[in-house]
Amino acid sequence: MSVSAGELDVERPGANANVATSFTYNGDGTMATVVKTYDDGATTFTWTRTYTYAAGVLTNISLWVRS
């Protein structure tokens, strides 16, 4: 099941120290995804935001999707 969100509460500075952020990149060096993983001590949540390009120009940034 996936859940989409526009903004994440874990994005606020100081919101939670248990958030790890990682990035993936396309072959041309543009950012493909941002992945935020949050562990509340009982459950691990993973949120992904995907970046889409056309001819090297950013055309879309997805909502955050929880997986």
N, C-alpha and C. Protein backbone atom coordinates (compact mmCIF):
# COMPACT_ATOMS: atom_id res chain seq x y z
N MET A 1 0.84 -1.18 0.00
CA MET A 1 0.00 0.00 0.00
C MET A 1 0.88 1.23 0.00
N SER A 2 0.55 2.20 -0.79
CA SER A 2 1.28 3.46 -0.84
C SER A 2 0.37 4.61 -0.42
N VAL A 3 0.98 5.60 0.19
CA VAL A 3 0.26 6.80 0.59
C VAL A 3 1.05 7.98 0.05
N SER A 4 0.37 8.97 -0.53
CA SER A 4 1.04 10.15 -1.06
C SER A 4 0.85 11.33 -0.12
N ALA A 5 1.88 12.18 -0.08
CA ALA A 5 1.80 13.39 0.75
C ALA A 5 2.53 14.51 0.03
N GLY A 6 2.01 15.72 0.17
CA GLY A 6 2.65 16.88 -0.44
C GLY A 6 3.93 17.25 0.28
N GLU A 7 3.85 17.33 1.60
CA GLU A 7 5.01 17.65 2.42
C GLU A 7 5.04 16.67 3.58
N LEU A 8 6.24 16.42 4.09
CA LEU A 8 6.40 15.50 5.21
C LEU A 8 6.71 16.29 6.47
N ASP A 9 6.11 15.89 7.58
CA ASP A 9 6.43 16.52 8.85
C ASP A 9 7.91 16.32 9.20
N VAL A 10 8.50 15.22 8.73
CA VAL A 10 9.90 14.94 9.05
C VAL A 10 10.85 15.87 8.30
N GLU A 11 10.33 16.69 7.37
CA GLU A 11 11.18 17.61 6.63
C GLU A 11 11.53 18.87 7.41
N ARG A 12 10.75 19.19 8.44
CA ARG A 12 11.01 20.41 9.21
C ARG A 12 12.32 20.27 9.98
N PRO A 13 13.16 21.30 10.00
CA PRO A 13 14.40 21.25 10.77
C PRO A 13 14.10 20.92 12.23
N GLY A 14 14.84 19.95 12.77
CA GLY A 14 14.67 19.55 14.16
C GLY A 14 13.47 18.68 14.43
N ALA A 15 12.73 18.29 13.38
CA ALA A 15 11.52 17.51 13.58
C ALA A 15 11.84 16.12 14.12
N ASN A 16 12.87 15.49 13.62
CA ASN A 16 13.23 14.17 14.10
C ASN A 16 14.64 13.83 13.66
N ALA A 17 15.45 13.40 14.59
CA ALA A 17 16.83 13.06 14.30
C ALA A 17 16.96 11.67 13.69
N ASN A 18 15.88 10.89 13.66
CA ASN A 18 15.93 9.52 13.16
C ASN A 18 15.60 9.41 11.68
N VAL A 19 15.73 10.49 10.94
CA VAL A 19 15.44 10.48 9.50
C VAL A 19 16.75 10.43 8.72
N ALA A 20 16.84 9.43 7.84
CA ALA A 20 18.00 9.33 6.94
C ALA A 20 17.54 9.69 5.54
N THR A 21 18.33 10.50 4.84
CA THR A 21 17.99 10.91 3.49
C THR A 21 19.03 10.38 2.52
N SER A 22 18.55 9.80 1.41
CA SER A 22 19.47 9.35 0.36
C SER A 22 18.95 9.83 -0.98
N PHE A 23 19.84 9.84 -1.96
CA PHE A 23 19.53 10.36 -3.29
C PHE A 23 19.96 9.34 -4.34
N THR A 24 19.21 9.28 -5.46
CA THR A 24 19.67 8.54 -6.63
C THR A 24 19.74 9.52 -7.79
N TYR A 25 20.59 9.21 -8.75
CA TYR A 25 20.82 10.11 -9.88
C TYR A 25 20.68 9.37 -11.19
N ASN A 26 20.24 10.08 -12.21
CA ASN A 26 20.16 9.55 -13.57
C ASN A 26 21.56 9.53 -14.17
N GLY A 27 21.71 8.88 -15.30
CA GLY A 27 23.00 8.79 -15.99
C GLY A 27 23.59 10.14 -16.36
N ASP A 28 22.74 11.15 -16.57
CA ASP A 28 23.24 12.48 -16.94
C ASP A 28 23.55 13.35 -15.73
N GLY A 29 23.42 12.78 -14.53
CA GLY A 29 23.75 13.50 -13.31
C GLY A 29 22.60 14.24 -12.66
N THR A 30 21.42 14.23 -13.30
CA THR A 30 20.26 14.88 -12.69
C THR A 30 19.70 13.97 -11.59
N MET A 31 19.09 14.59 -10.59
CA MET A 31 18.54 13.83 -9.48
C MET A 31 17.33 13.03 -9.93
N ALA A 32 17.27 11.74 -9.58
CA ALA A 32 16.14 10.89 -9.94
C ALA A 32 15.16 10.77 -8.79
N THR A 33 15.67 10.51 -7.58
CA THR A 33 14.80 10.37 -6.42
C THR A 33 15.47 10.90 -5.17
N VAL A 34 14.61 11.25 -4.22
CA VAL A 34 15.03 11.53 -2.84
C VAL A 34 14.27 10.51 -2.00
N VAL A 35 14.98 9.81 -1.14
CA VAL A 35 14.35 8.81 -0.28
C VAL A 35 14.62 9.19 1.17
N LYS A 36 13.54 9.29 1.95
CA LYS A 36 13.66 9.59 3.38
C LYS A 36 13.17 8.37 4.14
N THR A 37 14.00 7.89 5.05
CA THR A 37 13.65 6.75 5.86
C THR A 37 13.58 7.20 7.31
N TYR A 38 12.47 6.89 7.96
CA TYR A 38 12.22 7.31 9.33
C TYR A 38 11.97 6.07 10.18
N ASP A 39 12.64 5.96 11.30
CA ASP A 39 12.46 4.85 12.23
C ASP A 39 11.99 5.43 13.56
N ASP A 40 10.77 5.08 13.96
CA ASP A 40 10.24 5.60 15.22
C ASP A 40 10.54 4.68 16.40
N GLY A 41 11.39 3.67 16.18
CA GLY A 41 11.72 2.73 17.23
C GLY A 41 10.92 1.45 17.13
N ALA A 42 9.76 1.51 16.52
CA ALA A 42 8.91 0.32 16.36
C ALA A 42 8.70 -0.02 14.89
N THR A 43 8.66 1.01 14.05
CA THR A 43 8.36 0.82 12.63
C THR A 43 9.29 1.70 11.80
N THR A 44 9.69 1.19 10.64
CA THR A 44 10.47 1.98 9.70
C THR A 44 9.58 2.38 8.55
N PHE A 45 9.56 3.68 8.24
CA PHE A 45 8.77 4.22 7.14
C PHE A 45 9.71 4.73 6.07
N THR A 46 9.40 4.48 4.82
CA THR A 46 10.20 4.98 3.70
C THR A 46 9.31 5.81 2.79
N TRP A 47 9.78 7.03 2.49
CA TRP A 47 9.07 7.96 1.62
C TRP A 47 9.97 8.30 0.44
N THR A 48 9.41 8.30 -0.78
CA THR A 48 10.19 8.58 -1.98
C THR A 48 9.54 9.70 -2.78
N ARG A 49 10.38 10.61 -3.28
CA ARG A 49 9.94 11.68 -4.19
C ARG A 49 10.73 11.50 -5.48
N THR A 50 10.04 11.48 -6.62
CA THR A 50 10.66 11.22 -7.92
C THR A 50 10.68 12.49 -8.76
N TYR A 51 11.79 12.70 -9.45
CA TYR A 51 11.98 13.87 -10.32
C TYR A 51 11.98 13.39 -11.76
N THR A 52 11.20 14.04 -12.63
CA THR A 52 11.08 13.67 -14.04
C THR A 52 11.60 14.80 -14.91
N TYR A 53 12.32 14.42 -15.97
CA TYR A 53 12.95 15.39 -16.87
C TYR A 53 12.57 15.08 -18.31
N ALA A 54 12.56 16.12 -19.14
CA ALA A 54 12.40 15.97 -20.59
C ALA A 54 13.50 16.83 -21.22
N ALA A 55 14.35 16.19 -21.99
CA ALA A 55 15.47 16.87 -22.65
C ALA A 55 16.32 17.65 -21.63
N GLY A 56 16.51 17.04 -20.45
CA GLY A 56 17.35 17.64 -19.43
C GLY A 56 16.70 18.74 -18.60
N VAL A 57 15.41 19.01 -18.84
CA VAL A 57 14.69 20.05 -18.11
C VAL A 57 13.72 19.39 -17.13
N LEU A 58 13.75 19.80 -15.89
CA LEU A 58 12.85 19.26 -14.88
C LEU A 58 11.41 19.57 -15.25
N THR A 59 10.57 18.53 -15.36
CA THR A 59 9.18 18.72 -15.76
C THR A 59 8.19 18.35 -14.68
N ASN A 60 8.61 17.55 -13.68
CA ASN A 60 7.67 17.14 -12.64
C ASN A 60 8.43 16.70 -11.39
N ILE A 61 7.86 17.03 -10.25
CA ILE A 61 8.32 16.52 -8.96
C ILE A 61 7.11 15.85 -8.34
N SER A 62 7.23 14.57 -8.05
CA SER A 62 6.09 13.83 -7.52
C SER A 62 5.79 14.22 -6.08
N LEU A 63 4.61 13.84 -5.64
CA LEU A 63 4.29 13.90 -4.22
C LEU A 63 5.15 12.86 -3.52
N TRP A 64 5.29 12.96 -2.22
CA TRP A 64 5.98 11.93 -1.46
C TRP A 64 5.12 10.68 -1.46
N VAL A 65 5.71 9.52 -1.72
CA VAL A 65 4.98 8.26 -1.74
C VAL A 65 5.59 7.34 -0.68
N ARG A 66 4.76 6.87 0.25
CA ARG A 66 5.24 5.95 1.29
C ARG A 66 5.16 4.53 0.76
N SER A 67 6.21 3.79 1.00
CA SER A 67 6.20 2.37 0.58
C SER A 67 6.52 1.48 1.73
